[in-house]
Amino acid sequence: MTDAPKNKAESLNPYQQLVSDGPVETNDQRAVRRPKPLVPPRWVWIVLAGTVALIVLVRVQNVSGDHAYVNILTLLLSFLGSCAFSLWFLFFSGYSWKVRVASLLGVFAGIALFFIAFRIKHVSGEMVPTFRSRWAPPADSLLESPREVSANERIDLTTTSEKDFPQFLGPHRNGTVLNVRLARDWDSNPPRQLWRQPIGAGWSGFAVVNGFALTMEQRGEEELVTCYEIATGKLLWGHREVNRHSTVLGGVGPRSTPTIHEGKVYTLGPSGSLLCLDGATGDVVWQDNLLSRYHVPPGEDWKAVAWGRSNSPLIVDDLVVVPAGGPKDDPHVSLAAFDRLTGELAWEAGDRQVSYASPTLAMLGDRQMIVSVNEDNVSGHDPETGQELWQVEWEGHSNSTASTSQASLLSDGRLLLSKAYGTGAALWQLAAEPDGTITTTEVWSNSSLLKTKFTNLVIDAGVAYGLSDGILECVEMESGKRKWKKGRYGHGQILLAGDVLLIQAESGEVVMVEPTPDKFHEITKFTAIDGKTWNNLCLYGDLLLVRNAEEAACYRLPMAD
């Protein structure tokens, strides 16, 4: 018997030995592997550096033209960078599986515990959330329901004066109050607070007639129309309906502003409740519901009008006019007019879904018409019949890129439109032809101008002023040329009061600005209320009413000599 081969190499034939030439890995060598890194490799650092560079570019260049989109892009890029690091840590790092699993579970547990303990209170106009304890009750649920009007309280909404601010955006529904002259020095002679108190949730503004201020608010499960004494802040009456409209982005409560006319109060709730109330008592004169009338299935209006009905009723002669809408798909009715005394339907007009703007009354030469900003167009209508006289396309979707800003139609036929979400501003020229038709011609459009998200423009001496993506901007109407853009006030509101601009900043400050195209000049300011403020200002003579979703206040402003 021959000796057995001493090793594996001796058992191979010459060809096998040739192929197997080279170092042979032993069992001990196989056991020694290159350790996985505890520090991220180069590709992870490259991804993280690229993510940071993109975030800086997005924020510095404001590539989307909308600060809300910038914040969303920043969040997404930060998430992608975190994913790159997490991918390496979980699958390619040298840490033990116990450490990796424990770290993953710890991160998820921390996030889960945070959202168990906190919920989003509200979101700013730039999509920045504010959180509150999940167990803390909403501030509006802590307020009492209004009491009944006593017999000895005389509430008179039939007596009027030139001081009145009877509807959304003032006497002419254009954000302008001309019959005042305010003092410009608030340092030596500051606004005097008459009262400041909690109020129910919502983005409704105040309307004032004869010293009585009307608004809409949410208190717990009750949607209210409320009447206050402007001099004292005393709550005089409140009409209650059981309804609570709430969205994460839009917040809680009513969005529109009451309209006061000849002693009656007209309101539209976020869920389509149309009311005519007796101004003396808050009792119902007549009521309707747009969602029921136009066959919108219960609970489905949010699919088409995602943030609730925000349109303020318009009085035209013997009619009250409101945007009507309809279900997510056809059919739609742009406007509906009701007899203001009986609530009987007078006419319907248009075939577009509603936006968040309110109908306005305007003149084209000597011809009166109703101007309506709809979901994806702007139209003009005959007040008596509702007949559509003209229309221009104005891109928008009421569940995403919503139209909120009012249209500005001047008597010379210039129509100025503005909105955010990458649309900007456009000027159209309307002209009445000999046969009675009205033609429309676009003069200019610019997606970088007057990006008004929740606010409106005011026009003075051929110049438009507006909060463009939160920054005050001045634009020459005729040419579409920007004169200046300064003053970061957030998504607040604007009012032309005599010869000054009053800006209600999103933070609650009230700022006075010089309305001049020459240069930006902030005259003075003071903190009126605290917290996110999207509600419009109301100026009744020298009394300034401000409110947001949690508090309201009244200030007596110093007047010019």
Protein backbone atom coordinates (compact mmCIF):
# COMPACT_ATOMS: atom_id res chain seq x y z
CA MET A 1 0.00 0.00 0.00
CA THR A 2 1.37 3.41 -0.94
CA ASP A 3 1.50 6.31 1.46
CA ALA A 4 -1.52 8.68 1.46
CA PRO A 5 -0.97 12.26 0.23
CA LYS A 6 0.35 14.49 2.99
CA ASN A 7 -1.75 17.50 1.98
CA LYS A 8 -4.34 18.71 -0.49
CA ALA A 9 -1.76 19.98 -2.96
CA GLU A 10 -0.14 16.54 -3.30
CA SER A 11 -3.54 15.00 -4.20
CA LEU A 12 -3.96 17.30 -7.21
CA ASN A 13 -2.85 16.46 -10.73
CA PRO A 14 -0.36 18.82 -12.41
CA TYR A 15 -3.16 20.81 -14.11
CA GLN A 16 -5.03 21.23 -10.85
CA GLN A 17 -1.80 22.23 -9.12
CA LEU A 18 -1.18 24.85 -11.81
CA VAL A 19 -4.65 26.30 -11.41
CA SER A 20 -4.38 26.31 -7.63
CA ASP A 21 -0.99 28.02 -7.52
CA GLY A 22 -0.94 30.98 -5.15
CA PRO A 23 -1.60 31.43 -1.47
CA VAL A 24 -4.12 29.06 -0.01
CA GLU A 25 -6.39 30.58 2.67
CA THR A 26 -6.29 28.62 5.87
CA ASN A 27 -9.19 28.15 8.26
CA ASP A 28 -7.63 30.67 10.64
CA GLN A 29 -7.33 33.24 7.85
CA ARG A 30 -10.93 32.70 6.84
CA ALA A 31 -11.96 33.53 10.38
CA VAL A 32 -10.24 36.91 10.22
CA ARG A 33 -12.39 39.24 8.15
CA ARG A 34 -11.97 42.97 7.49
CA PRO A 35 -14.10 44.75 10.11
CA LYS A 36 -17.02 46.91 8.93
CA PRO A 37 -16.49 50.63 9.57
CA LEU A 38 -17.86 52.43 12.62
CA VAL A 39 -17.56 55.76 10.78
CA PRO A 40 -19.68 56.40 7.65
CA PRO A 41 -17.78 55.84 4.39
CA ARG A 42 -17.17 58.46 1.75
CA TRP A 43 -20.43 57.91 -0.17
CA VAL A 44 -22.51 58.70 2.92
CA TRP A 45 -20.62 61.95 3.48
CA ILE A 46 -21.05 62.87 -0.18
CA VAL A 47 -24.82 62.34 0.04
CA LEU A 48 -25.05 64.34 3.27
CA ALA A 49 -22.92 67.18 1.86
CA GLY A 50 -25.03 67.25 -1.30
CA THR A 51 -28.23 67.35 0.76
CA VAL A 52 -26.97 70.27 2.84
CA ALA A 53 -25.91 72.11 -0.33
CA LEU A 54 -29.35 71.61 -1.89
CA ILE A 55 -31.08 72.82 1.30
CA VAL A 56 -28.93 75.98 1.30
CA LEU A 57 -29.68 76.54 -2.40
CA VAL A 58 -33.42 76.04 -1.92
CA ARG A 59 -33.60 78.43 1.03
CA VAL A 60 -31.28 81.12 -0.32
CA GLN A 61 -32.63 81.16 -3.87
CA ASN A 62 -36.26 80.49 -2.85
CA VAL A 63 -36.51 78.32 -5.95
CA SER A 64 -40.23 77.63 -5.64
CA GLY A 65 -41.27 81.25 -5.14
CA ASP A 66 -43.29 80.23 -2.08
CA HIS A 67 -41.81 80.00 1.42
CA ALA A 68 -44.24 77.21 2.30
CA TYR A 69 -42.90 75.11 -0.57
CA VAL A 70 -39.36 75.98 0.50
CA ASN A 71 -40.05 74.62 3.97
CA ILE A 72 -41.60 71.46 2.53
CA LEU A 73 -38.59 70.94 0.22
CA THR A 74 -36.25 71.49 3.16
CA LEU A 75 -38.09 68.82 5.15
CA LEU A 76 -37.99 66.34 2.25
CA LEU A 77 -34.28 66.89 1.61
CA SER A 78 -33.51 66.50 5.31
CA PHE A 79 -35.47 63.23 5.27
CA LEU A 80 -33.48 61.95 2.27
CA GLY A 81 -30.19 62.79 3.98
CA SER A 82 -31.32 60.99 7.11
CA CYS A 83 -32.30 57.96 5.01
CA ALA A 84 -28.79 57.75 3.53
CA PHE A 85 -27.19 57.71 6.98
CA SER A 86 -29.79 55.26 8.30
CA LEU A 87 -29.23 52.90 5.35
CA TRP A 88 -25.50 52.73 6.08
CA PHE A 89 -25.99 52.39 9.84
CA LEU A 90 -28.53 49.57 9.61
CA PHE A 91 -26.99 47.43 6.84
CA PHE A 92 -23.35 48.34 6.33
CA SER A 93 -21.95 49.64 9.62
CA GLY A 94 -19.79 47.64 12.00
CA TYR A 95 -22.08 48.05 14.97
CA SER A 96 -23.61 44.93 16.42
CA TRP A 97 -27.12 43.98 15.42
CA LYS A 98 -28.27 44.67 18.97
CA VAL A 99 -27.03 48.26 18.80
CA ARG A 100 -28.60 48.80 15.35
CA VAL A 101 -31.98 47.35 16.29
CA ALA A 102 -32.01 49.17 19.61
CA SER A 103 -31.19 52.48 17.88
CA LEU A 104 -33.92 51.97 15.28
CA LEU A 105 -36.49 51.12 17.91
CA GLY A 106 -35.39 54.09 20.02
CA VAL A 107 -35.90 56.53 17.14
CA PHE A 108 -39.36 55.18 16.31
CA ALA A 109 -40.32 55.09 19.98
CA GLY A 110 -39.22 58.70 20.44
CA ILE A 111 -41.27 59.85 17.44
CA ALA A 112 -44.29 57.84 18.57
CA LEU A 113 -44.08 59.18 22.13
CA PHE A 114 -43.85 62.75 20.85
CA PHE A 115 -47.03 62.41 18.78
CA ILE A 116 -48.77 60.57 21.60
CA ALA A 117 -48.00 63.51 23.90
CA PHE A 118 -48.47 66.35 21.38
CA ARG A 119 -50.67 67.25 18.44
CA ILE A 120 -50.50 70.01 15.83
CA LYS A 121 -52.19 73.11 17.19
CA HIS A 122 -51.97 75.05 13.95
CA VAL A 123 -49.79 75.54 10.88
CA SER A 124 -48.47 78.94 9.82
CA GLY A 125 -48.86 80.36 6.33
CA GLU A 126 -45.37 79.04 5.59
CA MET A 127 -46.27 75.49 6.70
CA VAL A 128 -44.46 75.66 10.04
CA PRO A 129 -46.41 73.65 12.64
CA THR A 130 -47.00 74.64 16.27
CA PHE A 131 -47.68 71.81 18.74
CA ARG A 132 -49.70 71.60 21.94
CA SER A 133 -50.28 68.90 24.52
CA ARG A 134 -52.71 66.27 23.26
CA TRP A 135 -54.56 66.39 26.57
CA ALA A 136 -54.92 70.19 26.66
CA PRO A 137 -58.45 71.13 25.57
CA PRO A 138 -58.80 73.59 22.65
CA ALA A 139 -58.99 77.17 23.89
CA ASP A 140 -62.38 77.68 22.22
CA SER A 141 -63.92 74.79 24.18
CA LEU A 142 -63.27 76.65 27.45
CA LEU A 143 -65.46 79.61 26.49
CA GLU A 144 -69.08 79.84 27.62
CA SER A 145 -72.00 79.92 25.22
CA PRO A 146 -73.50 83.40 24.71
CA ARG A 147 -76.48 84.31 26.88
CA GLU A 148 -79.87 85.43 25.62
CA VAL A 149 -80.46 89.12 24.88
CA SER A 150 -82.25 90.84 27.76
CA ALA A 151 -85.33 92.97 27.11
CA ASN A 152 -83.68 96.23 28.20
CA GLU A 153 -80.75 95.92 25.78
CA ARG A 154 -81.32 97.95 22.63
CA ILE A 155 -79.19 96.75 19.75
CA ASP A 156 -79.77 98.98 16.74
CA LEU A 157 -78.18 97.92 13.44
CA THR A 158 -80.53 100.04 11.35
CA THR A 159 -78.91 103.39 12.18
CA THR A 160 -75.89 103.98 9.94
CA SER A 161 -73.10 106.52 9.60
CA GLU A 162 -70.03 107.15 7.45
CA LYS A 163 -67.90 105.44 10.10
CA ASP A 164 -69.52 102.07 9.50
CA PHE A 165 -67.50 99.07 8.37
CA PRO A 166 -70.50 96.90 7.44
CA GLN A 167 -68.92 94.03 5.51
CA PHE A 168 -65.81 92.16 4.47
CA LEU A 169 -62.95 94.58 3.62
CA GLY A 170 -64.95 97.68 4.53
CA PRO A 171 -67.63 99.96 3.08
CA HIS A 172 -66.71 99.28 -0.57
CA ARG A 173 -65.32 95.74 -0.09
CA ASN A 174 -61.94 96.86 -1.40
CA GLY A 175 -59.80 97.13 1.75
CA THR A 176 -60.02 100.92 1.77
CA VAL A 177 -61.35 103.40 4.36
CA LEU A 178 -60.90 106.94 3.10
CA ASN A 179 -62.68 109.15 5.66
CA VAL A 180 -59.99 108.94 8.38
CA ARG A 181 -56.69 110.69 9.07
CA LEU A 182 -54.55 108.84 11.59
CA ALA A 183 -51.72 110.34 13.61
CA ARG A 184 -48.34 108.87 12.66
CA ASP A 185 -46.56 109.02 16.00
CA TRP A 186 -47.45 105.98 18.10
CA ASP A 187 -44.45 106.40 20.39
CA SER A 188 -45.47 109.61 22.13
CA ASN A 189 -49.19 109.01 21.60
CA PRO A 190 -49.74 105.23 21.44
CA PRO A 191 -53.01 103.45 20.58
CA ARG A 192 -55.14 103.07 23.73
CA GLN A 193 -56.49 99.62 24.49
CA LEU A 194 -60.21 99.68 25.29
CA TRP A 195 -60.48 95.94 25.83
CA ARG A 196 -58.76 92.67 25.06
CA GLN A 197 -60.35 89.29 25.72
CA PRO A 198 -60.61 85.65 24.58
CA ILE A 199 -62.73 84.83 21.57
CA GLY A 200 -63.79 81.64 19.81
CA ALA A 201 -61.75 80.11 17.02
CA GLY A 202 -62.02 81.10 13.36
CA TRP A 203 -60.70 83.49 10.71
CA SER A 204 -63.76 85.71 10.40
CA GLY A 205 -63.25 89.46 10.58
CA PHE A 206 -65.43 92.08 12.29
CA ALA A 207 -68.17 94.09 10.64
CA VAL A 208 -69.40 97.16 12.54
CA VAL A 209 -72.52 99.32 12.31
CA ASN A 210 -73.63 101.94 14.86
CA GLY A 211 -71.14 100.81 17.49
CA PHE A 212 -71.99 97.09 17.33
CA ALA A 213 -69.42 94.61 16.06
CA LEU A 214 -70.40 91.30 14.42
CA THR A 215 -68.15 88.31 13.75
CA MET A 216 -68.24 84.50 13.55
CA GLU A 217 -66.47 82.13 15.90
CA GLN A 218 -66.27 78.55 17.18
CA ARG A 219 -66.89 77.66 20.82
CA GLY A 220 -66.64 73.94 21.39
CA GLU A 221 -69.15 72.17 19.17
CA GLU A 222 -71.09 75.38 18.48
CA GLU A 223 -70.60 77.57 15.43
CA LEU A 224 -71.62 81.10 16.36
CA VAL A 225 -72.53 84.46 14.89
CA THR A 226 -71.81 86.93 17.70
CA CYS A 227 -72.60 90.56 18.41
CA TYR A 228 -70.36 92.69 20.67
CA GLU A 229 -70.57 96.22 22.00
CA ILE A 230 -67.54 97.80 20.40
CA ALA A 231 -66.82 100.27 23.22
CA THR A 232 -66.65 97.62 25.98
CA GLY A 233 -66.25 94.23 24.28
CA LYS A 234 -69.42 93.02 25.98
CA LEU A 235 -70.98 90.00 24.23
CA LEU A 236 -74.60 90.94 23.53
CA TRP A 237 -75.97 87.95 21.63
CA GLY A 238 -74.89 84.86 19.79
CA HIS A 239 -76.71 82.68 17.30
CA ARG A 240 -75.68 79.04 17.76
CA GLU A 241 -75.56 76.09 15.39
CA VAL A 242 -74.13 72.66 16.18
CA ASN A 243 -71.20 72.27 13.79
CA ARG A 244 -67.42 72.14 14.14
CA HIS A 245 -65.39 72.62 10.97
CA SER A 246 -61.72 71.74 11.40
CA THR A 247 -58.74 70.93 9.16
CA VAL A 248 -55.07 70.55 10.07
CA LEU A 249 -53.89 73.24 7.65
CA GLY A 250 -56.90 75.55 7.80
CA GLY A 251 -57.64 75.35 11.49
CA VAL A 252 -60.95 75.43 13.36
CA GLY A 253 -64.07 77.50 12.91
CA PRO A 254 -65.80 79.89 10.47
CA ARG A 255 -63.79 81.67 7.78
CA SER A 256 -66.11 84.33 6.35
CA THR A 257 -67.14 87.77 7.65
CA PRO A 258 -70.77 88.81 8.34
CA THR A 259 -72.52 91.38 6.17
CA ILE A 260 -74.79 93.92 7.90
CA HIS A 261 -77.56 95.57 5.90
CA GLU A 262 -80.68 97.45 7.07
CA GLY A 263 -80.72 95.80 10.46
CA LYS A 264 -80.17 92.26 9.15
CA VAL A 265 -77.02 90.14 9.43
CA TYR A 266 -76.07 87.76 6.61
CA THR A 267 -73.51 84.99 7.14
CA LEU A 268 -72.13 81.90 5.42
CA GLY A 269 -70.67 79.12 7.55
CA PRO A 270 -67.76 76.88 6.52
CA SER A 271 -70.15 73.95 6.00
CA GLY A 272 -72.55 75.90 3.78
CA SER A 273 -75.06 77.29 6.31
CA LEU A 274 -76.50 80.53 4.87
CA LEU A 275 -78.25 82.69 7.48
CA CYS A 276 -80.24 85.89 7.65
CA LEU A 277 -80.50 87.02 11.29
CA ASP A 278 -82.34 89.82 13.03
CA GLY A 279 -79.55 92.16 14.11
CA ALA A 280 -81.37 93.20 17.28
CA THR A 281 -81.67 89.70 18.74
CA GLY A 282 -79.77 87.18 16.62
CA ASP A 283 -83.00 85.35 15.81
CA VAL A 284 -83.27 83.58 12.46
CA VAL A 285 -85.22 85.42 9.76
CA TRP A 286 -84.53 82.73 7.14
CA GLN A 287 -81.87 80.11 6.47
CA ASP A 288 -80.62 77.79 3.76
CA ASN A 289 -77.80 75.29 3.31
CA LEU A 290 -75.78 75.35 0.10
CA LEU A 291 -74.46 71.81 0.46
CA SER A 292 -77.97 70.40 0.71
CA ARG A 293 -79.33 72.65 -2.02
CA TYR A 294 -76.59 71.72 -4.48
CA HIS A 295 -76.51 68.01 -3.64
CA VAL A 296 -73.11 67.79 -2.03
CA PRO A 297 -72.99 64.44 -0.15
CA PRO A 298 -72.65 64.87 3.64
CA GLY A 299 -69.03 65.07 4.73
CA GLU A 300 -67.64 65.28 1.19
CA ASP A 301 -67.38 69.03 0.55
CA TRP A 302 -63.75 68.94 1.74
CA LYS A 303 -62.81 66.90 -1.34
CA ALA A 304 -63.57 69.90 -3.53
CA VAL A 305 -63.37 72.85 -1.09
CA ALA A 306 -60.70 71.54 1.22
CA TRP A 307 -60.57 74.39 3.74
CA GLY A 308 -64.23 75.28 4.15
CA ARG A 309 -66.57 77.90 2.68
CA SER A 310 -64.90 81.29 3.19
CA ASN A 311 -67.09 83.54 1.06
CA SER A 312 -68.73 86.60 2.62
CA PRO A 313 -72.29 87.35 1.39
CA LEU A 314 -72.75 90.32 -0.96
CA ILE A 315 -75.83 92.55 -0.86
CA VAL A 316 -76.98 93.87 -4.26
CA ASP A 317 -80.24 95.81 -4.12
CA ASP A 318 -82.86 93.30 -2.91
CA LEU A 319 -80.59 90.27 -3.28
CA VAL A 320 -77.93 88.51 -1.24
CA VAL A 321 -75.37 86.82 -3.50
CA VAL A 322 -73.04 83.96 -2.51
CA PRO A 323 -70.81 81.46 -4.37
CA ALA A 324 -72.70 78.16 -4.60
CA GLY A 325 -70.45 75.39 -5.96
CA GLY A 326 -71.58 71.78 -5.92
CA PRO A 327 -70.13 68.27 -5.55
CA LYS A 328 -66.52 67.50 -6.44
CA ASP A 329 -67.54 66.60 -9.98
CA ASP A 330 -70.17 68.40 -12.07
CA PRO A 331 -72.61 70.08 -11.93
CA HIS A 332 -71.44 73.37 -10.42
CA VAL A 333 -73.10 76.75 -9.94
CA SER A 334 -70.75 79.72 -9.62
CA LEU A 335 -73.17 82.15 -7.95
CA ALA A 336 -76.61 82.01 -6.37
CA ALA A 337 -78.78 85.03 -5.53
CA PHE A 338 -81.52 84.93 -2.88
CA ASP A 339 -84.17 87.47 -1.95
CA ARG A 340 -82.55 89.13 1.06
CA LEU A 341 -85.83 89.38 2.99
CA THR A 342 -87.41 85.99 2.29
CA GLY A 343 -84.51 83.71 1.23
CA GLU A 344 -86.29 82.74 -2.00
CA LEU A 345 -83.88 81.78 -4.81
CA ALA A 346 -83.82 84.53 -7.47
CA TRP A 347 -81.21 83.30 -9.97
CA GLU A 348 -78.20 81.05 -10.50
CA ALA A 349 -75.21 81.76 -12.71
CA GLY A 350 -71.99 80.18 -13.96
CA ASP A 351 -70.75 76.59 -13.99
CA ARG A 352 -67.53 76.69 -11.92
CA GLN A 353 -66.66 75.39 -8.47
CA VAL A 354 -66.22 78.01 -5.73
CA SER A 355 -62.94 79.52 -4.60
CA TYR A 356 -62.22 81.16 -1.22
CA ALA A 357 -62.75 84.72 -2.47
CA SER A 358 -65.98 86.70 -2.07
CA PRO A 359 -68.13 88.27 -4.82
CA THR A 360 -67.76 92.02 -5.24
CA LEU A 361 -69.80 94.77 -6.85
CA ALA A 362 -67.94 96.88 -9.43
CA MET A 363 -68.53 99.39 -12.19
CA LEU A 364 -67.34 99.13 -15.78
CA GLY A 365 -67.90 102.65 -16.97
CA ASP A 366 -71.51 103.28 -15.95
CA ARG A 367 -72.46 99.59 -15.95
CA GLN A 368 -72.75 97.76 -12.64
CA MET A 369 -71.69 94.12 -12.39
CA ILE A 370 -70.83 91.39 -9.89
CA VAL A 371 -67.26 90.09 -10.13
CA SER A 372 -66.70 86.52 -8.96
CA VAL A 373 -63.36 84.76 -8.48
CA ASN A 374 -64.21 81.10 -9.04
CA GLU A 375 -62.07 77.99 -8.71
CA ASP A 376 -60.41 78.32 -12.14
CA ASN A 377 -61.72 81.52 -13.70
CA VAL A 378 -62.97 85.05 -12.94
CA SER A 379 -66.35 86.11 -14.26
CA GLY A 380 -68.58 89.18 -14.43
CA HIS A 381 -72.37 88.96 -14.04
CA ASP A 382 -75.43 91.13 -14.48
CA PRO A 383 -76.79 91.83 -10.96
CA GLU A 384 -80.45 91.51 -11.97
CA THR A 385 -80.32 88.22 -13.85
CA GLY A 386 -76.92 86.67 -13.12
CA GLN A 387 -76.13 86.54 -16.86
CA GLU A 388 -72.40 86.03 -17.44
CA LEU A 389 -71.03 89.10 -19.21
CA TRP A 390 -67.38 88.08 -19.46
CA GLN A 391 -64.86 85.64 -18.06
CA VAL A 392 -61.10 85.14 -18.00
CA GLU A 393 -59.27 81.94 -17.12
CA TRP A 394 -57.52 82.04 -13.74
CA GLU A 395 -55.91 78.71 -12.90
CA GLY A 396 -56.67 77.20 -9.53
CA HIS A 397 -57.93 74.20 -7.58
CA SER A 398 -59.90 74.66 -4.37
CA ASN A 399 -58.31 71.57 -2.83
CA SER A 400 -54.70 72.57 -3.60
CA THR A 401 -53.62 75.75 -5.44
CA ALA A 402 -56.53 77.76 -4.11
CA SER A 403 -57.66 81.22 -5.19
CA THR A 404 -58.32 83.40 -2.13
CA SER A 405 -57.59 86.99 -3.18
CA GLN A 406 -60.26 89.38 -4.42
CA ALA A 407 -60.32 90.68 -7.98
CA SER A 408 -59.84 94.45 -8.36
CA LEU A 409 -61.95 95.88 -11.20
CA LEU A 410 -61.57 99.63 -11.73
CA SER A 411 -64.18 101.72 -13.53
CA ASP A 412 -61.81 102.25 -16.48
CA GLY A 413 -61.91 98.50 -17.16
CA ARG A 414 -58.59 97.47 -15.66
CA LEU A 415 -58.91 94.14 -13.86
CA LEU A 416 -56.03 93.21 -11.53
CA LEU A 417 -55.76 89.63 -10.28
CA SER A 418 -53.30 88.13 -7.83
CA LYS A 419 -52.61 84.87 -6.00
CA ALA A 420 -49.81 82.68 -4.68
CA TYR A 421 -48.86 79.08 -5.61
CA GLY A 422 -46.64 80.16 -8.51
CA THR A 423 -49.34 82.21 -10.32
CA GLY A 424 -48.51 85.79 -9.32
CA ALA A 425 -50.41 88.71 -10.83
CA ALA A 426 -52.07 89.64 -14.11
CA LEU A 427 -53.68 92.79 -15.50
CA TRP A 428 -56.57 92.52 -17.94
CA GLN A 429 -58.32 95.27 -19.88
CA LEU A 430 -62.09 95.00 -20.21
CA ALA A 431 -63.92 97.01 -22.87
CA ALA A 432 -67.63 97.41 -23.65
CA GLU A 433 -68.38 97.02 -27.36
CA PRO A 434 -71.20 98.85 -29.20
CA ASP A 435 -73.29 95.67 -29.33
CA GLY A 436 -73.18 95.38 -25.52
CA THR A 437 -70.63 92.58 -25.34
CA ILE A 438 -67.53 92.92 -23.20
CA THR A 439 -64.11 91.95 -24.52
CA THR A 440 -61.12 90.96 -22.37
CA THR A 441 -57.45 91.47 -23.26
CA GLU A 442 -54.49 90.47 -21.13
CA VAL A 443 -52.09 93.42 -20.70
CA TRP A 444 -49.40 91.67 -18.66
CA SER A 445 -48.82 88.78 -16.30
CA ASN A 446 -45.90 88.04 -13.99
CA SER A 447 -45.59 84.98 -11.76
CA SER A 448 -43.07 86.73 -9.47
CA LEU A 449 -45.35 89.67 -8.52
CA LEU A 450 -48.02 90.07 -5.82
CA LYS A 451 -48.12 86.46 -4.66
CA THR A 452 -51.02 87.01 -2.25
CA LYS A 453 -51.88 83.77 -0.47
CA PHE A 454 -54.53 84.57 2.17
CA THR A 455 -54.67 88.32 1.69
CA ASN A 456 -55.83 90.95 -0.80
CA LEU A 457 -54.49 93.94 -2.69
CA VAL A 458 -55.27 97.59 -2.08
CA ILE A 459 -54.91 100.14 -4.88
CA ASP A 460 -53.96 103.77 -4.45
CA ALA A 461 -53.16 106.23 -7.27
CA GLY A 462 -52.52 103.49 -9.84
CA VAL A 463 -50.24 101.51 -7.53
CA ALA A 464 -51.06 98.13 -5.95
CA TYR A 465 -49.84 97.10 -2.49
CA GLY A 466 -50.00 93.57 -1.17
CA LEU A 467 -48.31 90.99 1.01
CA SER A 468 -46.48 88.95 -1.61
CA ASP A 469 -45.55 85.60 -0.07
CA GLY A 470 -45.46 87.43 3.26
CA ILE A 471 -43.44 90.48 2.12
CA LEU A 472 -45.03 93.87 1.43
CA GLU A 473 -44.74 94.68 -2.26
CA CYS A 474 -45.51 97.78 -4.31
CA VAL A 475 -46.30 97.33 -8.03
CA GLU A 476 -47.22 99.88 -10.68
CA MET A 477 -50.48 98.66 -12.21
CA GLU A 478 -50.08 100.00 -15.75
CA SER A 479 -46.66 98.52 -16.44
CA GLY A 480 -46.49 95.65 -13.98
CA LYS A 481 -43.20 97.02 -12.71
CA ARG A 482 -42.18 96.34 -9.12
CA LYS A 483 -41.29 99.55 -7.28
CA TRP A 484 -40.12 97.88 -4.06
CA LYS A 485 -40.57 94.76 -1.96
CA LYS A 486 -39.65 95.06 1.72
CA GLY A 487 -41.06 94.38 5.16
CA ARG A 488 -41.55 90.74 6.13
CA TYR A 489 -44.97 90.63 7.86
CA GLY A 490 -45.99 87.06 7.07
CA HIS A 491 -49.40 86.09 5.76
CA GLY A 492 -51.33 88.85 7.47
CA GLN A 493 -53.78 91.42 6.09
CA ILE A 494 -53.71 94.96 4.71
CA LEU A 495 -56.00 98.01 4.92
CA LEU A 496 -55.61 101.43 3.28
CA ALA A 497 -56.76 103.87 5.99
CA GLY A 498 -56.81 107.41 4.63
CA ASP A 499 -53.23 108.24 3.67
CA VAL A 500 -51.50 105.29 5.36
CA LEU A 501 -51.38 101.51 5.06
CA LEU A 502 -52.23 99.45 8.12
CA ILE A 503 -50.67 95.98 8.04
CA GLN A 504 -51.93 93.28 10.37
CA ALA A 505 -48.84 91.06 10.58
CA GLU A 506 -49.29 87.31 10.94
CA SER A 507 -47.56 87.62 14.33
CA GLY A 508 -50.26 89.99 15.70
CA GLU A 509 -48.42 93.30 15.27
CA VAL A 510 -50.16 96.23 13.59
CA VAL A 511 -47.78 98.21 11.39
CA MET A 512 -48.24 101.61 9.73
CA VAL A 513 -46.54 102.03 6.34
CA GLU A 514 -46.33 104.99 3.96
CA PRO A 515 -48.21 104.20 0.70
CA THR A 516 -45.71 105.64 -1.75
CA PRO A 517 -44.05 104.02 -4.76
CA ASP A 518 -40.83 106.00 -4.15
CA LYS A 519 -39.51 103.84 -1.32
CA PHE A 520 -40.56 101.57 1.52
CA HIS A 521 -41.10 103.50 4.77
CA GLU A 522 -42.36 101.81 7.92
CA ILE A 523 -43.75 104.64 10.05
CA THR A 524 -44.59 102.93 13.35
CA LYS A 525 -46.05 99.75 14.86
CA PHE A 526 -47.36 98.14 18.04
CA THR A 527 -48.25 94.63 19.24
CA ALA A 528 -52.04 94.39 19.19
CA ILE A 529 -52.61 90.67 19.91
CA ASP A 530 -50.47 87.54 20.18
CA GLY A 531 -50.40 84.46 18.00
CA LYS A 532 -51.10 83.55 14.40
CA THR A 533 -53.39 86.21 12.92
CA TRP A 534 -54.99 85.70 9.52
CA ASN A 535 -58.14 87.75 10.24
CA ASN A 536 -58.79 91.04 8.49
CA LEU A 537 -58.61 94.40 10.25
CA CYS A 538 -61.71 96.46 10.95
CA LEU A 539 -61.56 100.26 11.38
CA TYR A 540 -64.63 102.04 12.75
CA GLY A 541 -63.77 105.75 12.94
CA ASP A 542 -60.81 105.86 15.31
CA LEU A 543 -61.51 102.38 16.76
CA LEU A 544 -59.40 99.52 15.45
CA LEU A 545 -60.74 95.99 15.95
CA VAL A 546 -58.34 93.07 15.65
CA ARG A 547 -58.77 89.37 16.31
CA ASN A 548 -57.37 85.93 15.62
CA ALA A 549 -58.43 82.41 16.58
CA GLU A 550 -57.98 82.96 20.33
CA GLU A 551 -58.34 86.63 21.28
CA ALA A 552 -59.81 89.93 20.15
CA ALA A 553 -59.03 93.53 21.06
CA CYS A 554 -60.17 97.08 20.41
CA TYR A 555 -57.82 100.10 20.31
CA ARG A 556 -58.53 103.79 20.01
CA LEU A 557 -56.05 105.15 17.49
CA PRO A 558 -54.75 108.73 17.79
CA MET A 559 -56.08 110.96 15.02
CA ALA A 560 -54.20 113.60 13.06
CA ASP A 561 -54.90 117.23 13.98
